[in-house]
Protein backbone atom coordinates (compact mmCIF):
# COMPACT_ATOMS: atom_id res chain seq x y z
CA MET A 1 85.95 -61.97 14.92
CA SER A 2 82.72 -61.30 12.97
CA THR A 3 80.49 -61.79 15.60
CA SER A 4 80.77 -60.91 19.21
CA SER A 5 79.84 -63.14 22.09
CA TYR A 6 76.22 -63.25 21.24
CA SER A 7 77.05 -65.68 18.35
CA PHE A 8 78.46 -68.24 20.68
CA VAL A 9 75.68 -67.48 23.30
CA LEU A 10 73.31 -69.16 20.79
CA ALA A 11 76.16 -71.55 19.53
CA ALA A 12 76.42 -72.92 23.17
CA ILE A 13 72.90 -74.33 22.91
CA LEU A 14 74.23 -77.61 21.68
CA LEU A 15 77.94 -78.14 21.23
CA GLY A 16 78.19 -81.35 19.99
CA ALA A 17 87.10 -85.20 16.48
CA ALA A 18 91.33 -89.88 15.70
CA CYS A 19 94.57 -90.40 13.95
CA LYS A 20 97.10 -91.67 11.52
CA LYS A 21 98.52 -90.07 8.51
CA SER A 22 96.05 -88.41 6.24
CA SER A 23 94.74 -89.86 3.12
CA PRO A 24 94.22 -87.68 0.08
CA VAL A 25 91.16 -85.26 0.55
CA VAL A 26 89.19 -84.10 -2.30
CA ASN A 27 89.63 -80.52 -2.82
CA ARG A 28 85.74 -79.89 -2.62
CA GLU A 29 86.21 -76.14 -3.19
CA GLU A 30 87.29 -76.86 -6.54
CA GLU A 31 84.06 -78.74 -7.67
CA LYS A 32 82.10 -77.73 -10.54
CA PRO A 33 78.69 -76.41 -9.62
CA LYS A 34 75.91 -78.73 -10.50
CA PRO A 35 72.59 -77.43 -12.11
CA VAL A 36 69.93 -77.08 -9.68
CA VAL A 37 67.01 -79.13 -10.49
CA GLU A 38 64.39 -77.81 -8.32
CA GLN A 39 61.61 -75.98 -10.41
CA ALA A 40 61.27 -73.38 -13.09
CA SER A 41 63.92 -71.85 -15.43
CA THR A 42 62.79 -68.43 -14.75
CA ALA A 43 62.90 -66.33 -11.47
CA ARG A 44 59.45 -67.68 -10.54
CA ALA A 45 58.78 -70.93 -8.76
CA ASP A 46 56.82 -73.80 -10.15
CA SER A 47 53.45 -74.55 -8.28
CA LEU A 48 54.13 -78.29 -8.31
CA VAL A 49 56.95 -79.65 -6.08
CA THR A 50 57.82 -83.28 -5.87
CA ILE A 51 59.75 -84.05 -2.76
CA SER A 52 61.17 -87.46 -1.03
CA GLU A 53 61.88 -88.10 2.42
CA THR A 54 65.45 -87.46 3.61
CA PHE A 55 67.77 -87.46 6.82
CA SER A 56 66.93 -84.79 9.26
CA GLY A 57 69.25 -81.98 9.91
CA THR A 58 69.87 -83.39 13.50
CA ALA A 59 70.66 -86.74 11.99
CA GLU A 60 73.16 -85.35 9.63
CA ALA A 61 74.47 -83.16 12.50
CA ASN A 62 75.06 -86.23 14.74
CA ARG A 63 76.89 -88.29 11.70
CA LEU A 64 79.24 -85.36 11.21
CA ALA A 65 79.62 -84.88 14.91
CA GLN A 66 78.69 -81.09 14.41
CA SER A 67 77.05 -78.89 16.96
CA PHE A 68 74.23 -77.34 14.76
CA PRO A 69 71.88 -79.02 12.05
CA ALA A 70 71.98 -77.50 8.69
CA SER A 71 68.71 -76.34 6.86
CA ASP A 72 66.91 -79.32 6.39
CA PHE A 73 64.17 -77.86 4.38
CA THR A 74 63.13 -76.99 0.74
CA PRO A 75 62.42 -73.42 -0.41
CA THR A 76 59.34 -73.22 -2.45
CA GLY A 77 59.83 -69.72 -3.91
CA PHE A 78 56.29 -68.68 -2.56
CA TYR A 79 55.26 -66.34 0.10
CA LEU A 80 51.97 -66.45 2.28
CA PRO A 81 50.64 -63.05 3.29
CA PRO A 82 49.43 -62.71 6.82
CA ASN A 83 45.82 -64.09 7.45
CA VAL A 84 45.52 -65.38 3.84
CA SER A 85 44.22 -68.93 3.27
CA LEU A 86 46.63 -71.05 1.38
CA LYS A 87 45.34 -74.11 -0.30
CA LEU A 88 47.61 -77.03 -1.23
CA ASN A 89 46.90 -80.27 -2.70
CA VAL A 90 49.16 -83.16 -1.55
CA GLU A 91 49.45 -86.62 -3.31
CA GLN A 92 51.27 -89.57 -1.84
CA VAL A 93 53.54 -91.03 -4.52
CA SER A 94 55.28 -93.86 -2.18
CA GLY A 95 55.42 -94.78 1.28
CA THR A 96 53.32 -93.47 3.88
CA LYS A 97 54.86 -90.24 5.39
CA LEU A 98 54.13 -86.72 4.16
CA PRO A 99 56.06 -83.44 4.47
CA VAL A 100 55.75 -80.63 6.89
CA LEU A 101 54.96 -77.02 5.65
CA LEU A 102 57.13 -74.34 7.20
CA VAL A 103 55.54 -70.80 7.16
CA GLY A 104 58.30 -68.22 7.77
CA THR A 105 61.89 -68.10 7.59
CA TYR A 106 64.20 -68.92 10.62
CA SER A 107 65.33 -65.68 12.07
CA ARG A 108 64.18 -63.36 9.30
CA TYR A 109 61.88 -61.58 11.61
CA THR A 110 62.08 -60.57 15.22
CA ASN A 111 58.17 -61.11 15.68
CA LYS A 112 58.75 -64.71 14.09
CA TRP A 113 62.03 -66.15 15.07
CA ASN A 114 61.10 -69.56 14.14
CA PRO A 115 58.61 -70.73 11.39
CA GLN A 116 55.11 -72.31 11.92
CA GLU A 117 55.22 -76.03 11.27
CA VAL A 118 52.01 -77.57 9.52
CA GLN A 119 51.85 -81.31 9.04
CA LEU A 120 50.34 -81.75 5.47
CA LYS A 121 47.74 -84.58 4.80
CA ALA A 122 46.82 -86.31 1.38
CA GLY A 123 44.31 -84.26 -0.45
CA GLU A 124 43.42 -80.60 0.17
CA ASN A 125 45.16 -78.76 2.92
CA THR A 126 44.13 -75.17 4.03
CA VAL A 127 46.57 -73.00 6.09
CA THR A 128 46.49 -69.68 7.43
CA ASP A 129 49.18 -67.72 9.55
CA PRO A 130 48.54 -64.52 11.37
CA LEU A 131 52.18 -63.31 10.26
CA GLY A 132 52.73 -65.05 6.89
CA GLY A 133 56.00 -65.75 5.49
CA LEU A 134 58.07 -67.58 3.00
CA LEU A 135 57.01 -71.30 2.62
CA TYR A 136 59.32 -74.27 2.73
CA LEU A 137 58.86 -77.96 2.83
CA ARG A 138 60.45 -80.21 5.44
CA PHE A 139 60.48 -83.90 4.64
CA THR A 140 62.92 -85.49 7.00
CA ALA A 141 63.31 -88.50 9.57
CA SER A 142 66.16 -89.78 11.62
CA THR A 143 66.06 -92.97 9.52
CA PRO A 144 64.21 -91.94 6.25
CA GLY A 145 62.21 -94.43 4.30
CA SER A 146 61.01 -94.44 0.67
CA SER A 147 58.29 -91.94 1.14
CA SER A 148 57.76 -89.24 -1.59
CA ALA A 149 55.04 -86.86 -2.23
CA LYS A 150 53.74 -84.38 -4.79
CA VAL A 151 52.86 -80.78 -3.31
CA ARG A 152 50.69 -78.50 -5.54
CA PHE A 153 50.30 -74.81 -4.55
CA VAL A 154 46.79 -74.11 -5.49
CA SER A 155 45.80 -70.67 -4.19
CA GLY A 156 46.68 -67.88 -1.72
CA GLN A 157 50.38 -68.09 -2.20
CA LYS A 158 52.32 -65.07 -3.97
CA PRO A 159 55.50 -65.71 -5.92
CA VAL A 160 58.69 -64.10 -4.74
CA PRO A 161 61.66 -63.23 -6.93
CA PHE A 162 63.48 -66.79 -6.92
CA TYR A 163 66.74 -66.97 -8.39
CA GLN A 164 68.12 -70.71 -8.92
CA LEU A 165 71.83 -71.23 -9.95
CA GLY A 166 72.08 -72.92 -13.22
CA LYS A 167 68.48 -72.02 -14.24
CA THR A 168 67.68 -68.39 -13.76
CA THR A 169 69.14 -65.56 -15.89
CA HIS A 170 70.10 -61.95 -14.67
CA THR A 171 67.54 -60.76 -16.99
CA ASP A 172 64.90 -62.92 -15.47
CA TRP A 173 65.86 -61.58 -11.97
CA MET A 174 65.86 -58.15 -12.99
CA GLU A 175 62.19 -58.59 -14.23
CA ALA A 176 61.09 -60.45 -11.12
CA LEU A 177 62.41 -57.77 -9.01
CA ASP A 178 60.47 -55.05 -11.14
CA LYS A 179 57.08 -57.05 -11.33
CA LEU A 180 56.84 -58.86 -7.96
CA LYS A 181 56.49 -55.75 -5.68
CA ASP A 182 53.84 -57.17 -3.29
CA VAL A 183 56.06 -59.37 -1.42
CA PRO A 184 58.76 -58.36 1.23
CA ASP A 185 61.46 -61.05 0.50
CA VAL A 186 63.22 -62.76 -2.04
CA GLN A 187 65.11 -66.21 -2.33
CA LEU A 188 68.26 -67.14 -3.92
CA VAL A 189 69.26 -70.81 -4.23
CA SER A 190 72.46 -72.69 -5.15
CA ASN A 191 73.73 -76.27 -4.48
CA ARG A 192 74.76 -75.57 -0.95
CA THR A 193 72.91 -72.28 0.09
CA ILE A 194 69.41 -70.61 0.33
CA MET A 195 69.85 -66.94 0.60
CA VAL A 196 66.98 -64.63 1.86
CA ALA A 197 66.87 -61.05 1.62
CA SER A 198 64.41 -58.18 1.75
CA ARG A 199 63.40 -57.01 -1.66
CA ALA A 200 64.91 -53.75 -0.67
CA ASN A 201 68.33 -55.22 -0.44
CA ALA A 202 67.93 -57.24 -3.30
CA ILE A 203 67.31 -54.21 -5.35
CA ALA A 204 70.18 -52.37 -3.90
CA TYR A 205 72.43 -55.27 -5.22
CA ARG A 206 70.60 -56.13 -8.32
CA VAL A 207 73.49 -55.28 -10.57
CA GLU A 208 75.54 -57.94 -9.04
CA ASP A 209 76.25 -61.10 -10.89
CA GLN A 210 74.00 -63.58 -8.88
CA ASP A 211 75.65 -66.72 -10.58
CA ALA A 212 79.18 -65.76 -9.43
CA LEU A 213 77.96 -64.87 -6.08
CA LEU A 214 75.99 -68.15 -5.38
CA ARG A 215 79.06 -70.12 -6.82
CA LEU A 216 81.19 -68.12 -4.40
CA ALA A 217 78.97 -68.89 -1.48
CA ASP A 218 79.00 -72.75 -2.47
CA ARG A 219 82.83 -72.33 -2.64
CA VAL A 220 83.10 -71.01 0.86
CA ILE A 221 80.95 -73.91 2.19
CA ASN A 222 83.14 -76.37 0.01
CA ILE A 223 86.47 -75.15 1.68
CA GLU A 224 84.97 -75.48 5.20
CA ASP A 225 84.02 -79.05 4.28
CA SER A 226 87.35 -79.74 2.79
CA ILE A 227 89.22 -78.50 6.02
CA SER A 228 86.81 -80.75 7.81
CA GLY A 229 88.21 -83.86 5.87
CA LEU A 230 84.82 -84.46 4.19
CA ASP A 231 86.14 -86.22 1.20
CA GLY A 232 83.44 -88.81 0.46
CA THR A 233 85.61 -91.80 0.86
CA ALA A 234 83.06 -93.44 3.27
CA PRO A 235 79.45 -92.73 4.05
CA SER A 236 80.74 -90.83 7.22
CA GLU A 237 82.84 -88.78 5.18
CA LYS A 238 80.17 -87.35 2.85
CA VAL A 239 79.26 -83.56 2.96
CA ASN A 240 76.07 -82.54 4.63
CA ALA A 241 72.99 -83.58 2.72
CA HIS A 242 71.52 -80.22 3.43
CA LYS A 243 71.82 -76.42 2.40
CA TYR A 244 72.76 -73.58 4.38
CA LEU A 245 70.47 -70.89 5.13
CA MET A 246 72.00 -67.24 4.90
CA THR A 247 69.05 -64.99 5.95
CA GLU A 248 68.85 -61.38 6.44
CA THR A 249 67.30 -60.39 9.98
CA ASP A 250 65.49 -57.44 11.20
CA ASN A 251 66.75 -58.05 14.73
CA SER A 252 69.08 -55.46 15.65
CA ASP A 253 70.36 -57.42 18.85
CA TYR A 254 72.35 -59.32 16.36
CA TYR A 255 75.13 -58.38 13.91
CA MET A 256 75.73 -61.93 12.52
CA VAL A 257 74.46 -65.07 14.08
CA ALA A 258 74.44 -68.93 13.66
CA THR A 259 72.54 -71.52 15.63
CA TRP A 260 70.12 -74.34 14.68
CA TYR A 261 69.09 -74.44 11.09
CA ARG A 262 70.25 -70.87 10.12
CA THR A 263 72.90 -68.27 9.82
CA ALA A 264 71.43 -64.79 9.95
CA TYR A 265 72.76 -61.34 9.01
CA TYR A 266 71.50 -57.81 10.29
CA GLN A 267 69.79 -55.75 7.49
CA ASN A 268 72.62 -53.28 7.13
CA THR A 269 75.58 -56.01 6.66
CA LEU A 270 74.09 -57.58 3.60
CA ALA A 271 76.82 -56.26 1.22
CA ALA A 272 78.91 -58.98 2.90
CA VAL A 273 76.39 -61.67 1.71
CA LEU A 274 74.87 -60.40 -1.44
CA THR A 275 77.90 -58.74 -3.26
CA VAL A 276 80.90 -60.86 -4.91
CA ASN A 277 83.33 -58.35 -3.69
CA GLY A 278 81.92 -58.39 -0.05
CA LEU A 279 81.62 -62.17 0.21
CA GLY A 280 84.80 -62.81 -1.44
CA LYS A 281 87.36 -60.26 -0.04
CA ASP A 282 85.68 -58.91 3.14
CA GLY A 283 83.50 -61.82 3.93
CA TRP A 284 84.91 -63.03 7.25
CA GLY A 285 81.66 -62.47 9.09
CA PRO A 286 79.72 -65.06 6.65
CA TRP A 287 82.77 -67.41 6.70
CA HIS A 288 82.67 -67.26 10.48
CA GLU A 289 79.06 -68.02 10.74
CA LEU A 290 79.22 -70.80 8.33
CA GLY A 291 81.98 -71.91 10.40
CA HIS A 292 79.77 -72.21 13.35
CA MET A 293 77.61 -74.77 11.38
CA HIS A 294 80.87 -76.98 10.88
CA GLN A 295 82.24 -76.72 14.50
CA GLN A 296 82.47 -80.09 16.45
CA GLY A 297 81.78 -80.17 19.99
CA ALA A 298 84.19 -82.99 20.94
CA TRP A 299 87.03 -80.26 20.79
CA THR A 300 85.13 -77.06 21.28
CA TRP A 301 85.03 -76.59 25.08
CA GLY A 302 83.58 -73.68 26.75
CA ALA A 303 86.11 -71.12 26.24
CA LEU A 304 86.36 -71.84 22.35
CA GLY A 305 82.91 -71.32 20.86
CA GLU A 306 84.44 -68.03 19.30
CA VAL A 307 87.85 -69.61 18.76
CA THR A 308 87.71 -73.04 16.88
CA VAL A 309 85.07 -71.44 14.48
CA ASN A 310 87.86 -69.58 12.92
CA VAL A 311 89.78 -72.66 11.88
CA TYR A 312 87.35 -72.58 9.15
CA SER A 313 87.47 -68.71 8.42
CA LEU A 314 91.21 -69.10 8.23
CA ALA A 315 90.90 -71.91 5.83
CA VAL A 316 88.71 -69.82 3.53
CA GLU A 317 90.94 -66.84 3.86
CA ARG A 318 93.97 -69.05 2.58
CA LYS A 319 92.05 -70.55 -0.34
CA PHE A 320 91.01 -67.18 -1.49
CA GLY A 321 94.63 -65.82 -1.58
CA ILE A 322 93.99 -63.04 0.99
CA THR A 323 97.24 -61.86 2.55
CA PRO A 324 98.26 -61.02 5.00
CA SER A 325 96.13 -63.24 7.16
CA ARG A 326 93.66 -61.68 9.79
CA LEU A 327 95.91 -62.69 12.49
CA LYS A 328 98.97 -60.96 11.14
CA LYS A 329 97.01 -57.85 9.64
CA ASP A 330 95.21 -57.33 13.08
CA ASN A 331 98.79 -57.58 15.03
CA VAL A 332 97.83 -60.68 17.03
CA TRP A 333 101.25 -62.41 17.07
CA PRO A 334 102.86 -59.85 19.42
CA LYS A 335 99.94 -60.48 21.90
CA VAL A 336 100.92 -64.10 21.87
CA ASP A 337 104.40 -63.28 22.86
CA THR A 338 103.05 -61.10 25.55
CA TYR A 339 101.11 -64.03 26.91
CA PHE A 340 103.98 -66.46 26.63
CA ALA A 341 106.01 -63.88 28.79
CA LYS A 342 103.90 -64.49 31.81
CA PRO A 343 105.01 -67.06 34.47
CA ASP A 344 103.85 -70.46 33.95
CA ALA A 345 101.35 -70.32 36.73
CA GLU A 346 99.70 -67.33 35.35
CA ARG A 347 99.16 -68.82 31.91
CA ASP A 348 95.68 -70.05 31.57
CA PHE A 349 94.46 -70.63 28.17
CA ASN A 350 90.88 -70.63 29.34
CA ALA A 351 90.91 -67.66 31.59
CA GLY A 352 88.43 -65.03 30.87
CA GLY A 353 91.31 -62.44 30.17
CA THR A 354 92.74 -64.58 27.51
CA ASP A 355 91.97 -63.12 24.26
CA VAL A 356 89.98 -65.19 21.68
CA TRP A 357 92.32 -64.25 18.90
CA VAL A 358 95.39 -65.17 21.10
CA ARG A 359 93.75 -68.61 21.57
CA LEU A 360 93.25 -68.96 17.88
CA CYS A 361 96.88 -68.61 17.29
CA MET A 362 97.42 -72.11 19.11
CA PHE A 363 95.12 -73.79 16.59
CA HIS A 364 96.79 -71.99 13.58
CA GLN A 365 100.27 -73.00 14.92
CA LEU A 366 99.02 -76.49 14.66
CA TRP A 367 98.06 -75.79 11.09
CA MET A 368 101.48 -74.13 10.38
CA ALA A 369 103.33 -77.40 11.91
CA TYR A 370 101.08 -80.09 10.39
CA GLY A 371 99.09 -78.55 7.52
CA ASP A 372 95.53 -79.19 6.46
CA ALA A 373 95.94 -82.88 6.95
CA PHE A 374 95.99 -82.37 10.81
CA TYR A 375 92.45 -81.03 10.50
CA HIS A 376 91.18 -83.66 8.22
CA GLN A 377 92.09 -86.27 10.76
CA LEU A 378 91.02 -84.40 13.76
CA HIS A 379 87.58 -84.11 12.21
CA LYS A 380 87.34 -87.60 11.03
CA ALA A 381 88.41 -88.68 14.58
CA ALA A 382 85.39 -87.03 16.12
CA ARG A 383 82.93 -88.44 13.61
CA ALA A 384 84.48 -92.07 13.99
CA GLU A 385 84.44 -91.98 17.88
CA LYS A 386 81.77 -89.63 18.76
CA PRO A 387 83.17 -89.47 22.08
CA SER A 388 80.99 -88.98 25.31
CA LEU A 389 82.81 -86.04 27.13
CA ALA A 390 81.28 -84.92 30.59
CA ASP A 391 82.93 -81.65 30.89
CA ASP A 392 85.55 -79.11 29.58
CA PRO A 393 88.68 -81.11 30.85
CA ALA A 394 87.61 -84.23 29.23
CA LYS A 395 87.29 -82.22 26.03
CA MET A 396 90.60 -80.80 26.51
CA LYS A 397 92.32 -84.28 27.28
CA TRP A 398 90.54 -85.74 24.21
CA PHE A 399 91.93 -82.99 21.90
CA MET A 400 95.26 -83.00 23.49
CA LEU A 401 95.80 -86.87 22.90
CA LYS A 402 94.30 -86.84 19.37
CA THR A 403 96.52 -83.90 18.42
CA CYS A 404 99.76 -85.87 19.68
CA ALA A 405 98.57 -89.27 17.81
CA ILE A 406 97.68 -87.51 14.64
CA SER A 407 101.01 -85.24 14.46
CA GLY A 408 103.10 -88.26 15.70
CA HIS A 409 104.74 -86.08 18.28
CA ASN A 410 104.74 -85.66 22.08
CA LEU A 411 103.42 -82.11 22.43
CA THR A 412 103.37 -81.60 26.21
CA ALA A 413 105.62 -78.67 25.89
CA PHE A 414 103.39 -77.02 23.42
CA PHE A 415 100.15 -77.47 25.61
CA ARG A 416 101.96 -76.41 28.77
CA LYS A 417 103.51 -73.27 27.17
CA TRP A 418 99.54 -72.51 26.08
CA GLY A 419 98.50 -73.07 29.49
CA LEU A 420 96.21 -75.99 28.85
CA LYS A 421 95.29 -77.30 32.39
CA PRO A 422 92.92 -80.06 32.14
CA GLY A 423 94.69 -82.00 35.05
CA GLU A 424 98.13 -83.95 35.11
CA SER A 425 96.22 -87.15 33.87
CA ALA A 426 96.23 -85.73 30.56
CA TYR A 427 100.04 -85.05 30.46
CA THR A 428 100.47 -88.76 31.86
CA ALA A 429 98.49 -90.11 28.98
CA ILE A 430 100.47 -88.06 26.54
CA ALA A 431 103.72 -89.63 27.99
CA ALA A 432 102.28 -93.11 27.68
CA LEU A 433 102.03 -92.81 23.95
CA ASN A 434 105.93 -92.80 23.74
CA LEU A 435 106.15 -90.28 21.04
CA PRO A 436 109.08 -88.23 20.25
CA ALA A 437 109.23 -84.50 20.71
CA PRO A 438 108.83 -82.41 17.50
CA ALA A 439 111.87 -81.11 15.82
CA THR A 440 110.63 -77.74 15.93
CA GLU A 441 108.23 -76.93 18.84
CA PRO A 442 105.12 -75.42 17.24
CA SER A 443 104.50 -72.57 19.92
CA THR A 444 107.70 -71.09 18.34
CA LEU A 445 106.12 -70.80 14.83
CA ARG A 446 105.16 -67.18 13.57
CA GLU A 447 103.68 -65.85 10.19
CA ASN A 448 106.36 -64.44 8.13
């Protein structure tokens, strides 16, 4: 796994999936990138930002039955130095609400893990911060109205190298890196991502094709949306309204991590984020962290924080045509056979000694048996039902019943083989569905 257990420690802060045959799902990863329409056509930001109120990250996470809110803020391309007075002018265009200014990037620095939040008011605003940081605007609500505003950065801010997919050229980027030397960080923005890196790492990877990199990052997210069944066929099936922050961090306690509003990558891992080869061929770590942002709590019980996340990593791996799969390359299947060789009473899927990669094989066998459509329908079920599940046995039972209903098969033998023990009521409920056994028991499936 790209992260160790620390990633789930944060993931467990809020781990927040129904059936019938699948309808066709839009292959989101094949979508053409749309031009970003945010600011300037160079690698510097515009000082005037027009912004409208939208759904909060938590509202979107609730709609999608996901555990973590995505990055519900707009990058400005500006940096505020420590203890410098920033002056902004805010004009109410419509409605009555105004945005919040964020000073600092989530998880970018150990000494400022979360940004300062400043509610802006109409007219002139003056803001200072002892640590400074990149500037963002958040303009969200659980039920957004029609409010909009214009925010003009007047003085105190410094422009950072600011790459916008569809607008900035590689030449612009090189020039900005050469000239904007008095800022510590840079930003790269696409349709689905906000990348933040140190200027030093941006310079180290400056020869990369930034357009190709950002399109690749967007494709990773689109693939994870696709396996999640987000086909746009209904309001509940639309992709997240917000981008996903992928930021460098100086916190050596973490290799890579995901939690509310961000994914973060330790400073010596940035080749996996800022290079096309790294993100495209050796990018399990970022795929995994972005997978955490897609996890649904309804079928991620306590033992699965670092397991169901890799349903999304495996989907990216398949779409990128990488073979053999990580499960086969890492020789996990013989470990499954060893686990299955244990007596029934000793097989406990959730026991601490059961390897997370072995657990992942159960979910991969369901994909091998029933394809992408199974996961499309599982995610749609979680979004439609938003079940209130009090504990791990309740989540296991919900997952087992949905799996049987979606597949059209009684999978009692499969779940008993894997050692799922939510209580006999789950197996009684499966029997009551009156479904046939599968022609091929999925636990027998292996990768060729």
